[in-house]
All heavy atoms as atom14 arrays in JSON, in Angstrom:
{
  "sequence": "SEIHDEHFRERMFHKKTRIETQGRVWTIYTSTRPEFEQTAAHAHWAIP",
  "atom14_mask": [
    [1, 1, 1, 1, 1, 1, 0, 0, 0, 0, 0, 0, 0, 0],
    [1, 1, 1, 1, 1, 1, 1, 1, 1, 0, 0, 0, 0, 0],
    [1, 1, 1, 1, 1, 1, 1, 1, 0, 0, 0, 0, 0, 0],
    [1, 1, 1, 1, 1, 1, 1, 1, 1, 1, 0, 0, 0, 0],
    [1, 1, 1, 1, 1, 1, 1, 1, 0, 0, 0, 0, 0, 0],
    [1, 1, 1, 1, 1, 1, 1, 1, 1, 0, 0, 0, 0, 0],
    [1, 1, 1, 1, 1, 1, 1, 1, 1, 1, 0, 0, 0, 0],
    [1, 1, 1, 1, 1, 1, 1, 1, 1, 1, 1, 0, 0, 0],
    [1, 1, 1, 1, 1, 1, 1, 1, 1, 1, 1, 0, 0, 0],
    [1, 1, 1, 1, 1, 1, 1, 1, 1, 0, 0, 0, 0, 0],
    [1, 1, 1, 1, 1, 1, 1, 1, 1, 1, 1, 0, 0, 0],
    [1, 1, 1, 1, 1, 1, 1, 1, 0, 0, 0, 0, 0, 0],
    [1, 1, 1, 1, 1, 1, 1, 1, 1, 1, 1, 0, 0, 0],
    [1, 1, 1, 1, 1, 1, 1, 1, 1, 1, 0, 0, 0, 0],
    [1, 1, 1, 1, 1, 1, 1, 1, 1, 0, 0, 0, 0, 0],
    [1, 1, 1, 1, 1, 1, 1, 1, 1, 0, 0, 0, 0, 0],
    [1, 1, 1, 1, 1, 1, 1, 0, 0, 0, 0, 0, 0, 0],
    [1, 1, 1, 1, 1, 1, 1, 1, 1, 1, 1, 0, 0, 0],
    [1, 1, 1, 1, 1, 1, 1, 1, 0, 0, 0, 0, 0, 0],
    [1, 1, 1, 1, 1, 1, 1, 1, 1, 0, 0, 0, 0, 0],
    [1, 1, 1, 1, 1, 1, 1, 0, 0, 0, 0, 0, 0, 0],
    [1, 1, 1, 1, 1, 1, 1, 1, 1, 0, 0, 0, 0, 0],
    [1, 1, 1, 1, 0, 0, 0, 0, 0, 0, 0, 0, 0, 0],
    [1, 1, 1, 1, 1, 1, 1, 1, 1, 1, 1, 0, 0, 0],
    [1, 1, 1, 1, 1, 1, 1, 0, 0, 0, 0, 0, 0, 0],
    [1, 1, 1, 1, 1, 1, 1, 1, 1, 1, 1, 1, 1, 1],
    [1, 1, 1, 1, 1, 1, 1, 0, 0, 0, 0, 0, 0, 0],
    [1, 1, 1, 1, 1, 1, 1, 1, 0, 0, 0, 0, 0, 0],
    [1, 1, 1, 1, 1, 1, 1, 1, 1, 1, 1, 1, 0, 0],
    [1, 1, 1, 1, 1, 1, 1, 0, 0, 0, 0, 0, 0, 0],
    [1, 1, 1, 1, 1, 1, 0, 0, 0, 0, 0, 0, 0, 0],
    [1, 1, 1, 1, 1, 1, 1, 0, 0, 0, 0, 0, 0, 0],
    [1, 1, 1, 1, 1, 1, 1, 1, 1, 1, 1, 0, 0, 0],
    [1, 1, 1, 1, 1, 1, 1, 0, 0, 0, 0, 0, 0, 0],
    [1, 1, 1, 1, 1, 1, 1, 1, 1, 0, 0, 0, 0, 0],
    [1, 1, 1, 1, 1, 1, 1, 1, 1, 1, 1, 0, 0, 0],
    [1, 1, 1, 1, 1, 1, 1, 1, 1, 0, 0, 0, 0, 0],
    [1, 1, 1, 1, 1, 1, 1, 1, 1, 0, 0, 0, 0, 0],
    [1, 1, 1, 1, 1, 1, 1, 0, 0, 0, 0, 0, 0, 0],
    [1, 1, 1, 1, 1, 0, 0, 0, 0, 0, 0, 0, 0, 0],
    [1, 1, 1, 1, 1, 0, 0, 0, 0, 0, 0, 0, 0, 0],
    [1, 1, 1, 1, 1, 1, 1, 1, 1, 1, 0, 0, 0, 0],
    [1, 1, 1, 1, 1, 0, 0, 0, 0, 0, 0, 0, 0, 0],
    [1, 1, 1, 1, 1, 1, 1, 1, 1, 1, 0, 0, 0, 0],
    [1, 1, 1, 1, 1, 1, 1, 1, 1, 1, 1, 1, 1, 1],
    [1, 1, 1, 1, 1, 0, 0, 0, 0, 0, 0, 0, 0, 0],
    [1, 1, 1, 1, 1, 1, 1, 1, 0, 0, 0, 0, 0, 0],
    [1, 1, 1, 1, 1, 1, 1, 0, 0, 0, 0, 0, 0, 0]
  ],
  "atom14_positions": [
    [[17.05, -2.1, -25.06], [17.05, -0.68, -24.79], [16.39, -0.36, -23.45], [16.93, 0.13, -22.61], [16.37, 0.1, -25.95], [15.12, -0.35, -26.16], [0.0, 0.0, 0.0], [0.0, 0.0, 0.0], [0.0, 0.0, 0.0], [0.0, 0.0, 0.0], [0.0, 0.0, 0.0], [0.0, 0.0, 0.0], [0.0, 0.0, 0.0], [0.0, 0.0, 0.0]],
    [[15.09, -0.64, -23.41], [14.29, -0.27, -22.21], [13.67, -1.5, -21.49], [13.5, -2.51, -22.11], [13.15, 0.71, -22.62], [13.67, 2.03, -23.17], [12.47, 2.97, -23.39], [11.34, 2.55, -23.46], [12.76, 4.22, -23.59], [0.0, 0.0, 0.0], [0.0, 0.0, 0.0], [0.0, 0.0, 0.0], [0.0, 0.0, 0.0], [0.0, 0.0, 0.0]],
    [[13.47, -1.31, -20.21], [12.94, -2.42, -19.4], [11.41, -2.24, -19.33], [10.91, -1.13, -18.87], [13.59, -2.37, -17.99], [15.05, -2.47, -18.09], [12.99, -3.46, -17.07], [15.75, -2.17, -16.73], [0.0, 0.0, 0.0], [0.0, 0.0, 0.0], [0.0, 0.0, 0.0], [0.0, 0.0, 0.0], [0.0, 0.0, 0.0], [0.0, 0.0, 0.0]],
    [[10.68, -3.21, -19.66], [9.2, -3.16, -19.61], [8.62, -4.3, -18.89], [9.28, -5.24, -18.56], [8.63, -3.13, -21.05], [8.99, -1.87, -21.8], [8.67, -0.66, -21.51], [9.91, -1.76, -22.93], [9.22, 0.31, -22.38], [9.92, -0.4, -23.26], [0.0, 0.0, 0.0], [0.0, 0.0, 0.0], [0.0, 0.0, 0.0], [0.0, 0.0, 0.0]],
    [[7.29, -4.25, -18.65], [6.56, -5.3, -17.98], [6.69, -6.67, -18.71], [6.7, -7.79, -18.07], [5.09, -5.03, -17.75], [4.86, -3.95, -16.73], [5.9, -3.69, -15.97], [3.74, -3.45, -16.67], [0.0, 0.0, 0.0], [0.0, 0.0, 0.0], [0.0, 0.0, 0.0], [0.0, 0.0, 0.0], [0.0, 0.0, 0.0], [0.0, 0.0, 0.0]],
    [[6.88, -6.63, -20.01], [6.92, -7.87, -20.82], [8.16, -8.69, -20.48], [8.2, -9.83, -20.67], [6.91, -7.52, -22.3], [8.12, -6.78, -22.77], [8.03, -6.42, -24.27], [6.92, -6.22, -24.79], [9.14, -6.37, -24.85], [0.0, 0.0, 0.0], [0.0, 0.0, 0.0], [0.0, 0.0, 0.0], [0.0, 0.0, 0.0], [0.0, 0.0, 0.0]],
    [[9.12, -8.06, -19.9], [10.38, -8.81, -19.54], [10.25, -9.61, -18.22], [11.03, -10.37, -17.94], [11.61, -7.78, -19.34], [11.91, -7.01, -20.61], [11.77, -5.73, -20.75], [12.33, -7.55, -21.89], [12.14, -5.3, -21.89], [12.48, -6.4, -22.61], [0.0, 0.0, 0.0], [0.0, 0.0, 0.0], [0.0, 0.0, 0.0], [0.0, 0.0, 0.0]],
    [[9.03, -9.39, -17.58], [8.7, -10.16, -16.37], [7.46, -11.01, -16.54], [6.93, -11.48, -15.59], [8.52, -9.16, -15.22], [9.74, -8.29, -14.95], [9.77, -7.01, -15.48], [10.76, -8.69, -14.2], [10.9, -6.18, -15.35], [11.89, -7.89, -13.91], [11.85, -6.6, -14.51], [0.0, 0.0, 0.0], [0.0, 0.0, 0.0], [0.0, 0.0, 0.0]],
    [[7.0, -11.18, -17.81], [5.8, -11.9, -18.07], [5.78, -13.33, -17.59], [4.72, -13.89, -17.25], [5.35, -11.76, -19.5], [6.2, -12.44, -20.44], [5.7, -12.31, -21.88], [6.54, -12.96, -22.91], [7.62, -12.36, -23.48], [7.87, -11.15, -23.15], [8.33, -12.97, -24.39], [0.0, 0.0, 0.0], [0.0, 0.0, 0.0], [0.0, 0.0, 0.0]],
    [[6.96, -13.9, -17.55], [7.1, -15.31, -16.99], [7.19, -15.43, -15.55], [7.23, -16.47, -15.07], [8.21, -15.95, -17.81], [8.08, -16.06, -19.23], [9.25, -16.76, -19.83], [10.2, -17.19, -19.21], [9.2, -16.99, -21.22], [0.0, 0.0, 0.0], [0.0, 0.0, 0.0], [0.0, 0.0, 0.0], [0.0, 0.0, 0.0], [0.0, 0.0, 0.0]],
    [[7.26, -14.31, -14.84], [7.38, -14.29, -13.4], [6.02, -14.13, -12.79], [5.18, -13.54, -13.31], [8.27, -13.11, -12.97], [9.6, -13.0, -13.66], [10.61, -14.01, -13.15], [11.76, -14.15, -13.89], [12.98, -13.69, -13.47], [13.02, -12.96, -12.38], [14.01, -13.84, -14.22], [0.0, 0.0, 0.0], [0.0, 0.0, 0.0], [0.0, 0.0, 0.0]],
    [[5.8, -14.88, -11.65], [4.52, -14.87, -10.99], [4.14, -13.48, -10.47], [3.03, -13.03, -10.68], [4.53, -15.8, -9.84], [3.11, -16.07, -9.05], [3.3, -17.33, -7.89], [1.54, -17.37, -7.37], [0.0, 0.0, 0.0], [0.0, 0.0, 0.0], [0.0, 0.0, 0.0], [0.0, 0.0, 0.0], [0.0, 0.0, 0.0], [0.0, 0.0, 0.0]],
    [[5.1, -12.84, -9.91], [4.91, -11.39, -9.41], [6.09, -10.55, -9.72], [7.21, -11.08, -9.84], [4.64, -11.32, -7.92], [3.4, -12.12, -7.35], [3.54, -13.21, -6.66], [2.17, -11.57, -7.72], [2.43, -13.91, -6.21], [1.09, -12.29, -7.24], [1.2, -13.38, -6.47], [0.0, 0.0, 0.0], [0.0, 0.0, 0.0], [0.0, 0.0, 0.0]],
    [[5.86, -9.27, -9.97], [7.03, -8.34, -10.12], [6.47, -7.04, -9.72], [5.34, -6.71, -9.84], [7.59, -8.36, -11.49], [6.74, -7.71, -12.54], [5.63, -8.33, -13.18], [6.74, -6.43, -13.08], [5.1, -7.42, -14.03], [5.64, -6.29, -13.99], [0.0, 0.0, 0.0], [0.0, 0.0, 0.0], [0.0, 0.0, 0.0], [0.0, 0.0, 0.0]],
    [[7.49, -6.15, -9.39], [7.08, -4.68, -9.11], [8.38, -3.84, -9.23], [9.49, -4.34, -9.21], [6.4, -4.54, -7.8], [7.28, -4.63, -6.55], [6.45, -4.29, -5.35], [7.26, -4.29, -4.05], [6.39, -4.03, -2.85], [0.0, 0.0, 0.0], [0.0, 0.0, 0.0], [0.0, 0.0, 0.0], [0.0, 0.0, 0.0], [0.0, 0.0, 0.0]],
    [[8.03, -2.54, -9.29], [9.11, -1.55, -9.5], [8.99, -0.53, -8.33], [7.93, -0.1, -8.04], [8.84, -0.8, -10.86], [9.72, 0.36, -11.13], [9.28, 1.0, -12.41], [10.0, 2.29, -12.84], [9.58, 2.85, -14.11], [0.0, 0.0, 0.0], [0.0, 0.0, 0.0], [0.0, 0.0, 0.0], [0.0, 0.0, 0.0], [0.0, 0.0, 0.0]],
    [[10.13, -0.35, -7.61], [10.18, 0.6, -6.46], [11.12, 1.64, -6.66], [12.3, 1.34, -7.04], [10.45, -0.24, -5.21], [9.56, -1.39, -5.04], [10.43, 0.69, -3.92], [0.0, 0.0, 0.0], [0.0, 0.0, 0.0], [0.0, 0.0, 0.0], [0.0, 0.0, 0.0], [0.0, 0.0, 0.0], [0.0, 0.0, 0.0], [0.0, 0.0, 0.0]],
    [[10.8, 2.87, -6.38], [11.74, 4.02, -6.5], [12.13, 4.38, -5.12], [11.43, 4.62, -4.2], [10.95, 5.2, -7.15], [11.81, 6.43, -7.28], [10.87, 7.56, -7.87], [11.52, 8.72, -8.14], [11.77, 9.73, -7.27], [11.31, 9.61, -6.02], [12.4, 10.83, -7.61], [0.0, 0.0, 0.0], [0.0, 0.0, 0.0], [0.0, 0.0, 0.0]],
    [[13.47, 4.47, -4.96], [14.06, 4.87, -3.66], [14.96, 6.12, -3.79], [15.55, 6.25, -4.86], [14.81, 3.65, -2.91], [16.08, 3.29, -3.7], [13.95, 2.46, -2.69], [16.97, 2.37, -2.95], [0.0, 0.0, 0.0], [0.0, 0.0, 0.0], [0.0, 0.0, 0.0], [0.0, 0.0, 0.0], [0.0, 0.0, 0.0], [0.0, 0.0, 0.0]],
    [[15.07, 6.93, -2.72], [15.98, 8.03, -2.67], [16.92, 7.8, -1.59], [16.62, 7.55, -0.51], [15.23, 9.34, -2.48], [14.24, 9.7, -3.57], [13.56, 11.04, -3.24], [14.06, 11.77, -2.42], [12.56, 11.27, -3.96], [0.0, 0.0, 0.0], [0.0, 0.0, 0.0], [0.0, 0.0, 0.0], [0.0, 0.0, 0.0], [0.0, 0.0, 0.0]],
    [[18.32, 7.83, -1.94], [19.3, 7.56, -1.03], [20.53, 8.36, -1.33], [20.99, 8.4, -2.53], [19.62, 6.03, -0.96], [20.69, 5.8, -0.05], [19.99, 5.51, -2.33], [0.0, 0.0, 0.0], [0.0, 0.0, 0.0], [0.0, 0.0, 0.0], [0.0, 0.0, 0.0], [0.0, 0.0, 0.0], [0.0, 0.0, 0.0], [0.0, 0.0, 0.0]],
    [[21.09, 9.05, -0.4], [22.35, 9.84, -0.49], [22.29, 10.64, -1.76], [23.32, 10.69, -2.45], [23.54, 8.87, -0.47], [23.99, 8.34, 0.95], [23.12, 7.24, 1.34], [22.65, 6.44, 0.48], [22.87, 7.05, 2.56], [0.0, 0.0, 0.0], [0.0, 0.0, 0.0], [0.0, 0.0, 0.0], [0.0, 0.0, 0.0], [0.0, 0.0, 0.0]],
    [[21.24, 11.37, -1.91], [21.21, 12.38, -3.05], [20.97, 11.77, -4.39], [20.89, 12.51, -5.35], [0.0, 0.0, 0.0], [0.0, 0.0, 0.0], [0.0, 0.0, 0.0], [0.0, 0.0, 0.0], [0.0, 0.0, 0.0], [0.0, 0.0, 0.0], [0.0, 0.0, 0.0], [0.0, 0.0, 0.0], [0.0, 0.0, 0.0], [0.0, 0.0, 0.0]],
    [[20.74, 10.38, -4.48], [20.48, 9.79, -5.69], [19.09, 9.15, -5.74], [18.57, 8.68, -4.61], [21.49, 8.79, -6.13], [22.87, 9.35, -6.42], [22.85, 10.08, -7.75], [22.37, 9.27, -8.85], [21.97, 9.81, -10.0], [21.87, 11.05, -10.22], [21.6, 9.01, -10.98], [0.0, 0.0, 0.0], [0.0, 0.0, 0.0], [0.0, 0.0, 0.0]],
    [[18.53, 8.87, -6.92], [17.26, 8.07, -7.0], [17.71, 6.79, -7.69], [18.44, 6.8, -8.75], [16.24, 8.78, -7.9], [15.03, 7.89, -8.24], [15.78, 10.09, -7.14], [0.0, 0.0, 0.0], [0.0, 0.0, 0.0], [0.0, 0.0, 0.0], [0.0, 0.0, 0.0], [0.0, 0.0, 0.0], [0.0, 0.0, 0.0], [0.0, 0.0, 0.0]],
    [[17.25, 5.71, -7.13], [17.49, 4.39, -7.69], [16.08, 3.69, -7.93], [15.22, 3.87, -7.17], [18.38, 3.45, -6.81], [19.86, 3.76, -6.85], [20.39, 4.74, -7.52], [20.83, 3.04, -6.14], [21.7, 4.72, -7.36], [22.07, 3.68, -6.47], [20.83, 1.95, -5.27], [23.31, 3.27, -5.93], [22.06, 1.58, -4.83], [23.26, 2.23, -5.09]],
    [[16.07, 2.94, -9.02], [14.81, 2.18, -9.31], [15.15, 0.7, -9.11], [16.08, 0.24, -9.69], [14.3, 2.47, -10.69], [14.09, 3.83, -10.94], [13.09, 1.68, -10.94], [0.0, 0.0, 0.0], [0.0, 0.0, 0.0], [0.0, 0.0, 0.0], [0.0, 0.0, 0.0], [0.0, 0.0, 0.0], [0.0, 0.0, 0.0], [0.0, 0.0, 0.0]],
    [[14.33, 0.05, -8.26], [14.6, -1.36, -7.91], [13.4, -2.17, -8.5], [12.37, -1.9, -8.23], [14.71, -1.6, -6.41], [15.52, -0.57, -5.65], [15.1, -2.96, -6.14], [17.0, -0.52, -6.08], [0.0, 0.0, 0.0], [0.0, 0.0, 0.0], [0.0, 0.0, 0.0], [0.0, 0.0, 0.0], [0.0, 0.0, 0.0], [0.0, 0.0, 0.0]],
    [[13.77, -3.16, -9.45], [12.84, -4.07, -9.87], [13.04, -5.46, -9.17], [14.13, -5.95, -9.07], [13.07, -4.36, -11.45], [12.88, -3.19, -12.36], [13.8, -2.2, -12.54], [11.68, -3.01, -13.0], [13.66, -1.1, -13.38], [11.47, -1.91, -13.84], [12.39, -0.94, -14.01], [12.24, 0.14, -14.86], [0.0, 0.0, 0.0], [0.0, 0.0, 0.0]],
    [[11.91, -5.89, -8.63], [11.91, -7.19, -7.96], [10.93, -8.1, -8.58], [9.86, -7.69, -9.04], [11.56, -7.07, -6.4], [10.34, -6.25, -6.33], [12.65, -6.32, -5.67], [0.0, 0.0, 0.0], [0.0, 0.0, 0.0], [0.0, 0.0, 0.0], [0.0, 0.0, 0.0], [0.0, 0.0, 0.0], [0.0, 0.0, 0.0], [0.0, 0.0, 0.0]],
    [[11.29, -9.41, -8.65], [10.41, -10.37, -9.31], [10.67, -11.75, -8.71], [11.73, -12.02, -8.1], [10.59, -10.39, -10.81], [11.91, -10.74, -11.09], [0.0, 0.0, 0.0], [0.0, 0.0, 0.0], [0.0, 0.0, 0.0], [0.0, 0.0, 0.0], [0.0, 0.0, 0.0], [0.0, 0.0, 0.0], [0.0, 0.0, 0.0], [0.0, 0.0, 0.0]],
    [[9.7, -12.65, -8.79], [9.8, -14.04, -8.28], [10.74, -14.93, -9.09], [10.78, -14.69, -10.35], [8.43, -14.63, -8.14], [7.87, -14.61, -9.41], [7.6, -13.92, -7.08], [0.0, 0.0, 0.0], [0.0, 0.0, 0.0], [0.0, 0.0, 0.0], [0.0, 0.0, 0.0], [0.0, 0.0, 0.0], [0.0, 0.0, 0.0], [0.0, 0.0, 0.0]],
    [[11.46, -15.66, -8.39], [12.33, -16.71, -8.99], [11.54, -18.04, -9.04], [10.54, -18.19, -8.38], [13.62, -16.97, -8.15], [14.54, -15.76, -8.36], [15.71, -15.8, -7.19], [16.34, -17.07, -7.13], [17.5, -17.42, -7.73], [18.06, -16.57, -8.5], [18.0, -18.58, -7.63], [0.0, 0.0, 0.0], [0.0, 0.0, 0.0], [0.0, 0.0, 0.0]],
    [[12.01, -19.05, -9.77], [11.31, -20.37, -9.85], [11.14, -21.04, -8.46], [10.07, -21.67, -8.18], [12.19, -21.22, -10.76], [12.99, -20.29, -11.59], [13.18, -19.04, -10.75], [0.0, 0.0, 0.0], [0.0, 0.0, 0.0], [0.0, 0.0, 0.0], [0.0, 0.0, 0.0], [0.0, 0.0, 0.0], [0.0, 0.0, 0.0], [0.0, 0.0, 0.0]],
    [[12.04, -20.77, -7.5], [11.96, -21.3, -6.12], [10.65, -20.75, -5.48], [10.05, -21.52, -4.68], [13.09, -20.95, -5.34], [14.45, -21.64, -5.7], [15.16, -21.0, -6.88], [14.59, -20.05, -7.45], [16.28, -21.5, -7.18], [0.0, 0.0, 0.0], [0.0, 0.0, 0.0], [0.0, 0.0, 0.0], [0.0, 0.0, 0.0], [0.0, 0.0, 0.0]],
    [[10.32, -19.49, -5.68], [9.14, -18.96, -5.18], [7.87, -19.58, -5.76], [6.99, -20.03, -5.09], [9.08, -17.39, -5.39], [7.92, -16.66, -4.8], [8.0, -16.07, -3.54], [6.68, -16.72, -5.42], [6.88, -15.42, -3.04], [5.56, -16.05, -4.91], [5.67, -15.42, -3.7], [0.0, 0.0, 0.0], [0.0, 0.0, 0.0], [0.0, 0.0, 0.0]],
    [[7.9, -19.73, -7.03], [6.69, -20.25, -7.71], [6.54, -21.72, -7.45], [5.39, -22.18, -7.43], [6.88, -19.99, -9.27], [6.87, -18.54, -9.6], [7.61, -18.14, -10.92], [7.9, -19.09, -11.65], [7.85, -16.93, -11.1], [0.0, 0.0, 0.0], [0.0, 0.0, 0.0], [0.0, 0.0, 0.0], [0.0, 0.0, 0.0], [0.0, 0.0, 0.0]],
    [[7.6, -22.38, -7.19], [7.5, -23.84, -6.9], [6.84, -24.11, -5.51], [6.21, -25.07, -5.19], [8.87, -24.51, -6.89], [9.42, -24.71, -8.36], [10.85, -25.1, -8.31], [11.52, -25.34, -7.23], [11.51, -25.09, -9.55], [0.0, 0.0, 0.0], [0.0, 0.0, 0.0], [0.0, 0.0, 0.0], [0.0, 0.0, 0.0], [0.0, 0.0, 0.0]],
    [[7.01, -23.11, -4.63], [6.53, -23.19, -3.27], [5.16, -22.47, -3.13], [4.54, -22.53, -2.05], [7.42, -22.62, -2.29], [7.66, -21.26, -2.53], [8.73, -23.36, -2.17], [0.0, 0.0, 0.0], [0.0, 0.0, 0.0], [0.0, 0.0, 0.0], [0.0, 0.0, 0.0], [0.0, 0.0, 0.0], [0.0, 0.0, 0.0], [0.0, 0.0, 0.0]],
    [[4.65, -21.8, -4.15], [3.42, -21.14, -4.13], [2.19, -22.0, -4.1], [2.21, -23.05, -4.82], [3.36, -20.1, -5.31], [0.0, 0.0, 0.0], [0.0, 0.0, 0.0], [0.0, 0.0, 0.0], [0.0, 0.0, 0.0], [0.0, 0.0, 0.0], [0.0, 0.0, 0.0], [0.0, 0.0, 0.0], [0.0, 0.0, 0.0], [0.0, 0.0, 0.0]],
    [[1.16, -21.61, -3.39], [-0.08, -22.48, -3.34], [-0.94, -22.13, -4.64], [-0.76, -21.03, -5.21], [-0.87, -22.15, -2.12], [0.0, 0.0, 0.0], [0.0, 0.0, 0.0], [0.0, 0.0, 0.0], [0.0, 0.0, 0.0], [0.0, 0.0, 0.0], [0.0, 0.0, 0.0], [0.0, 0.0, 0.0], [0.0, 0.0, 0.0], [0.0, 0.0, 0.0]],
    [[-1.64, -23.12, -5.03], [-2.54, -22.9, -6.19], [-3.99, -23.47, -5.91], [-4.13, -24.3, -5.04], [-1.99, -23.67, -7.38], [-0.74, -23.13, -7.85], [-0.52, -21.98, -8.6], [0.54, -23.63, -7.69], [0.77, -21.82, -8.84], [1.38, -22.75, -8.25], [0.0, 0.0, 0.0], [0.0, 0.0, 0.0], [0.0, 0.0, 0.0], [0.0, 0.0, 0.0]],
    [[-4.91, -22.97, -6.67], [-6.3, -23.3, -6.48], [-6.84, -24.26, -7.58], [-8.08, -24.53, -7.67], [-7.24, -22.16, -6.29], [0.0, 0.0, 0.0], [0.0, 0.0, 0.0], [0.0, 0.0, 0.0], [0.0, 0.0, 0.0], [0.0, 0.0, 0.0], [0.0, 0.0, 0.0], [0.0, 0.0, 0.0], [0.0, 0.0, 0.0], [0.0, 0.0, 0.0]],
    [[-5.96, -24.77, -8.48], [-6.42, -25.68, -9.63], [-7.15, -26.9, -9.08], [-7.91, -27.4, -9.9], [-5.26, -25.96, -10.47], [-4.45, -24.72, -10.94], [-4.99, -23.57, -11.42], [-3.04, -24.53, -11.05], [-4.14, -22.72, -11.7], [-2.96, -23.25, -11.5], [0.0, 0.0, 0.0], [0.0, 0.0, 0.0], [0.0, 0.0, 0.0], [0.0, 0.0, 0.0]],
    [[-6.72, -27.4, -8.0], [-7.32, -28.63, -7.49], [-8.88, -28.51, -7.37], [-9.58, -29.49, -7.33], [-6.73, -29.08, -6.18], [-6.83, -28.0, -5.09], [-5.87, -27.0, -4.88], [-7.86, -27.71, -4.23], [-6.22, -26.15, -3.87], [-7.45, -26.7, -3.46], [-9.1, -28.35, -3.99], [-8.28, -26.13, -2.48], [-9.9, -27.83, -2.97], [-9.54, -26.7, -2.25]],
    [[-9.39, -27.22, -7.11], [-10.76, -27.03, -6.78], [-11.67, -27.46, -7.97], [-12.82, -27.9, -7.77], [-10.95, -25.6, -6.34], [0.0, 0.0, 0.0], [0.0, 0.0, 0.0], [0.0, 0.0, 0.0], [0.0, 0.0, 0.0], [0.0, 0.0, 0.0], [0.0, 0.0, 0.0], [0.0, 0.0, 0.0], [0.0, 0.0, 0.0], [0.0, 0.0, 0.0]],
    [[-11.2, -27.29, -9.17], [-12.08, -27.64, -10.41], [-12.39, -29.13, -10.47], [-13.56, -29.46, -10.5], [-11.4, -27.09, -11.63], [-11.4, -25.52, -11.62], [-12.19, -27.53, -12.84], [-10.72, -24.9, -12.76], [0.0, 0.0, 0.0], [0.0, 0.0, 0.0], [0.0, 0.0, 0.0], [0.0, 0.0, 0.0], [0.0, 0.0, 0.0], [0.0, 0.0, 0.0]],
    [[-11.37, -30.07, -10.55], [-11.8, -31.46, -10.61], [-12.45, -31.93, -9.35], [-13.44, -32.74, -9.51], [-10.45, -32.18, -10.82], [-9.36, -31.17, -10.29], [-9.93, -29.8, -10.59], [0.0, 0.0, 0.0], [0.0, 0.0, 0.0], [0.0, 0.0, 0.0], [0.0, 0.0, 0.0], [0.0, 0.0, 0.0], [0.0, 0.0, 0.0], [0.0, 0.0, 0.0]]
  ]
}
């Protein structure tokens, strides 16, 4: 039924953007794909 943050919980980042264009309002949801997360840097190495 509805789109919530829980639908993006497995994504590293996500956000919701509202745009107005040609008299209409659209809502754009963007989120990271596995390709982004595979190339993302991490700090886990600092602990060992």
